[in-house]
N, C-alpha and C. Protein backbone atom coordinates (compact mmCIF):
# COMPACT_ATOMS: atom_id res chain seq x y z
N MET A 1 83.03 101.34 103.17
CA MET A 1 83.55 100.50 102.11
C MET A 1 82.87 99.14 102.17
N LYS A 2 82.41 98.68 101.03
CA LYS A 2 81.78 97.36 100.96
C LYS A 2 82.88 96.30 100.90
N ILE A 3 82.71 95.27 101.68
CA ILE A 3 83.68 94.18 101.72
C ILE A 3 83.08 92.97 101.01
N ASN A 4 83.75 92.52 99.97
CA ASN A 4 83.28 91.43 99.14
C ASN A 4 83.40 90.10 99.89
N THR A 5 82.34 89.31 99.86
CA THR A 5 82.32 88.01 100.53
C THR A 5 82.10 86.85 99.56
N ASN A 6 82.10 87.12 98.26
CA ASN A 6 81.78 86.09 97.26
C ASN A 6 82.67 84.86 97.35
N GLU A 7 83.99 85.04 97.43
CA GLU A 7 84.91 83.90 97.48
C GLU A 7 84.69 83.08 98.75
N TYR A 8 84.49 83.76 99.87
CA TYR A 8 84.23 83.07 101.13
C TYR A 8 82.94 82.26 101.03
N GLU A 9 81.89 82.88 100.50
CA GLU A 9 80.60 82.20 100.38
C GLU A 9 80.68 81.01 99.43
N PHE A 10 81.43 81.14 98.35
CA PHE A 10 81.59 80.03 97.41
C PHE A 10 82.31 78.86 98.08
N THR A 11 83.36 79.16 98.82
CA THR A 11 84.16 78.12 99.47
C THR A 11 83.44 77.45 100.63
N HIS A 12 82.78 78.25 101.46
CA HIS A 12 82.17 77.73 102.69
C HIS A 12 80.67 77.45 102.58
N GLY A 13 80.06 77.93 101.51
CA GLY A 13 78.64 77.69 101.31
C GLY A 13 77.73 78.53 102.19
N LYS A 14 78.27 79.54 102.82
CA LYS A 14 77.47 80.44 103.67
C LYS A 14 78.21 81.76 103.83
N ALA A 15 77.48 82.77 104.26
CA ALA A 15 78.07 84.09 104.48
C ALA A 15 78.95 84.06 105.73
N PRO A 16 79.99 84.89 105.75
CA PRO A 16 80.84 84.94 106.95
C PRO A 16 80.08 85.55 108.12
N ARG A 17 80.19 84.91 109.27
CA ARG A 17 79.57 85.45 110.48
C ARG A 17 80.18 84.75 111.68
N GLY A 18 79.89 85.27 112.84
CA GLY A 18 80.39 84.66 114.06
C GLY A 18 81.73 85.22 114.47
N GLU A 19 82.38 84.52 115.39
CA GLU A 19 83.65 84.97 115.94
C GLU A 19 84.76 84.03 115.47
N GLY A 20 85.91 84.60 115.21
CA GLY A 20 87.03 83.79 114.78
C GLY A 20 88.21 84.65 114.40
N TYR A 21 89.14 84.05 113.67
CA TYR A 21 90.31 84.74 113.14
C TYR A 21 90.05 84.99 111.66
N TRP A 22 89.86 86.24 111.30
CA TRP A 22 89.45 86.61 109.95
C TRP A 22 90.62 87.15 109.15
N ALA A 23 90.68 86.75 107.87
CA ALA A 23 91.71 87.24 106.95
C ALA A 23 91.02 88.00 105.82
N PHE A 24 91.71 89.02 105.35
CA PHE A 24 91.17 89.87 104.29
C PHE A 24 92.22 90.08 103.20
N GLN A 25 91.73 90.24 101.97
CA GLN A 25 92.60 90.55 100.84
C GLN A 25 92.32 91.99 100.44
N PHE A 26 93.39 92.74 100.25
CA PHE A 26 93.28 94.16 99.91
C PHE A 26 93.80 94.38 98.50
N TYR A 27 93.02 95.09 97.70
CA TYR A 27 93.33 95.33 96.29
C TYR A 27 93.40 96.82 96.00
N ARG A 28 94.25 97.17 95.04
CA ARG A 28 94.32 98.56 94.56
C ARG A 28 94.26 98.53 93.04
N MET A 29 93.44 99.41 92.47
CA MET A 29 93.29 99.46 91.02
C MET A 29 94.65 99.68 90.37
N GLY A 30 94.93 98.91 89.37
CA GLY A 30 96.19 99.02 88.66
C GLY A 30 97.28 98.11 89.22
N LEU A 31 97.15 97.70 90.47
CA LEU A 31 98.14 96.82 91.09
C LEU A 31 97.60 95.43 91.38
N GLY A 32 96.30 95.30 91.49
CA GLY A 32 95.69 94.02 91.86
C GLY A 32 95.83 93.79 93.35
N LEU A 33 96.05 92.54 93.72
CA LEU A 33 96.19 92.18 95.14
C LEU A 33 97.46 92.81 95.68
N ILE A 34 97.33 93.59 96.76
CA ILE A 34 98.53 94.19 97.34
C ILE A 34 98.96 93.49 98.62
N VAL A 35 98.02 92.92 99.37
CA VAL A 35 98.39 92.22 100.59
C VAL A 35 97.20 91.42 101.12
N THR A 36 97.50 90.32 101.80
CA THR A 36 96.50 89.55 102.54
C THR A 36 96.90 89.64 104.01
N GLU A 37 95.99 90.06 104.86
CA GLU A 37 96.29 90.27 106.28
C GLU A 37 95.22 89.65 107.16
N PHE A 38 95.62 89.14 108.31
CA PHE A 38 94.69 88.69 109.33
C PHE A 38 94.30 89.88 110.20
N ALA A 39 93.04 89.94 110.58
CA ALA A 39 92.61 90.93 111.57
C ALA A 39 93.36 90.62 112.87
N PRO A 40 93.62 91.64 113.69
CA PRO A 40 94.42 91.42 114.90
C PRO A 40 93.67 90.67 115.99
N GLY A 41 93.85 89.38 116.06
CA GLY A 41 93.24 88.58 117.11
C GLY A 41 91.86 88.06 116.75
N GLN A 42 91.30 87.32 117.67
CA GLN A 42 89.97 86.75 117.49
C GLN A 42 88.94 87.84 117.73
N MET A 43 87.99 87.96 116.77
CA MET A 43 86.94 88.97 116.90
C MET A 43 85.73 88.56 116.07
N THR A 44 84.64 89.26 116.28
CA THR A 44 83.44 88.98 115.49
C THR A 44 83.67 89.42 114.05
N CYS A 45 82.88 88.86 113.17
CA CYS A 45 83.01 89.22 111.76
C CYS A 45 82.76 90.71 111.55
N GLY A 46 81.77 91.26 112.23
CA GLY A 46 81.47 92.69 112.10
C GLY A 46 82.62 93.56 112.54
N ALA A 47 83.24 93.23 113.67
CA ALA A 47 84.39 94.00 114.15
C ALA A 47 85.57 93.86 113.20
N ALA A 48 85.75 92.66 112.66
CA ALA A 48 86.85 92.43 111.73
C ALA A 48 86.65 93.23 110.44
N LYS A 49 85.41 93.33 109.97
CA LYS A 49 85.13 94.12 108.78
C LYS A 49 85.40 95.60 109.02
N LYS A 50 85.08 96.10 110.21
CA LYS A 50 85.38 97.49 110.54
C LYS A 50 86.89 97.72 110.55
N TRP A 51 87.63 96.76 111.13
CA TRP A 51 89.09 96.87 111.13
C TRP A 51 89.61 96.88 109.68
N ALA A 52 89.08 95.98 108.84
CA ALA A 52 89.54 95.87 107.46
C ALA A 52 89.28 97.16 106.68
N ALA A 53 88.14 97.78 106.90
CA ALA A 53 87.83 99.03 106.20
C ALA A 53 88.82 100.13 106.60
N ALA A 54 89.14 100.22 107.89
CA ALA A 54 90.10 101.22 108.35
C ALA A 54 91.50 100.92 107.81
N TYR A 55 91.88 99.66 107.80
CA TYR A 55 93.19 99.27 107.30
C TYR A 55 93.30 99.53 105.80
N ALA A 56 92.22 99.32 105.07
CA ALA A 56 92.20 99.59 103.63
C ALA A 56 92.49 101.07 103.35
N LYS A 57 91.94 101.94 104.17
CA LYS A 57 92.21 103.38 104.02
C LYS A 57 93.70 103.67 104.18
N GLN A 58 94.32 103.05 105.19
CA GLN A 58 95.75 103.23 105.44
C GLN A 58 96.59 102.77 104.24
N LEU A 59 96.18 101.66 103.63
CA LEU A 59 96.91 101.10 102.50
C LEU A 59 96.63 101.82 101.19
N GLY A 60 95.52 102.53 101.14
CA GLY A 60 95.09 103.13 99.89
C GLY A 60 94.41 102.10 98.98
N ALA A 61 93.89 101.04 99.59
CA ALA A 61 93.20 100.00 98.83
C ALA A 61 91.80 100.47 98.47
N ASP A 62 91.33 100.04 97.30
CA ASP A 62 89.98 100.43 96.89
C ASP A 62 88.99 99.27 96.91
N ARG A 63 89.50 98.03 97.14
CA ARG A 63 88.63 96.87 97.26
C ARG A 63 89.15 95.97 98.38
N VAL A 64 88.23 95.34 99.10
CA VAL A 64 88.58 94.42 100.17
C VAL A 64 87.69 93.19 100.05
N ALA A 65 88.26 92.03 100.29
CA ALA A 65 87.49 90.78 100.27
C ALA A 65 87.85 89.93 101.48
N VAL A 66 86.85 89.23 102.00
CA VAL A 66 87.10 88.26 103.06
C VAL A 66 87.80 87.08 102.41
N ALA A 67 88.96 86.70 102.93
CA ALA A 67 89.71 85.59 102.34
C ALA A 67 89.03 84.27 102.67
N ALA A 68 89.06 83.34 101.73
CA ALA A 68 88.47 82.03 101.95
C ALA A 68 89.48 81.19 102.65
């Protein structure tokens, strides 16, 4: 699943990378935003994106974005 970074890049002026506490927004067609969640603990952006993709499957979300 592709994770959208446009809002993060617009707000921060750069692509998300590095280690930190990452938040993601999960969307489902027809419902819009269904939940915003933090990845569990401090982790790299890559690990957080993997977590977000797996969590999106659990939720039935069809779009995910890195929260700004």
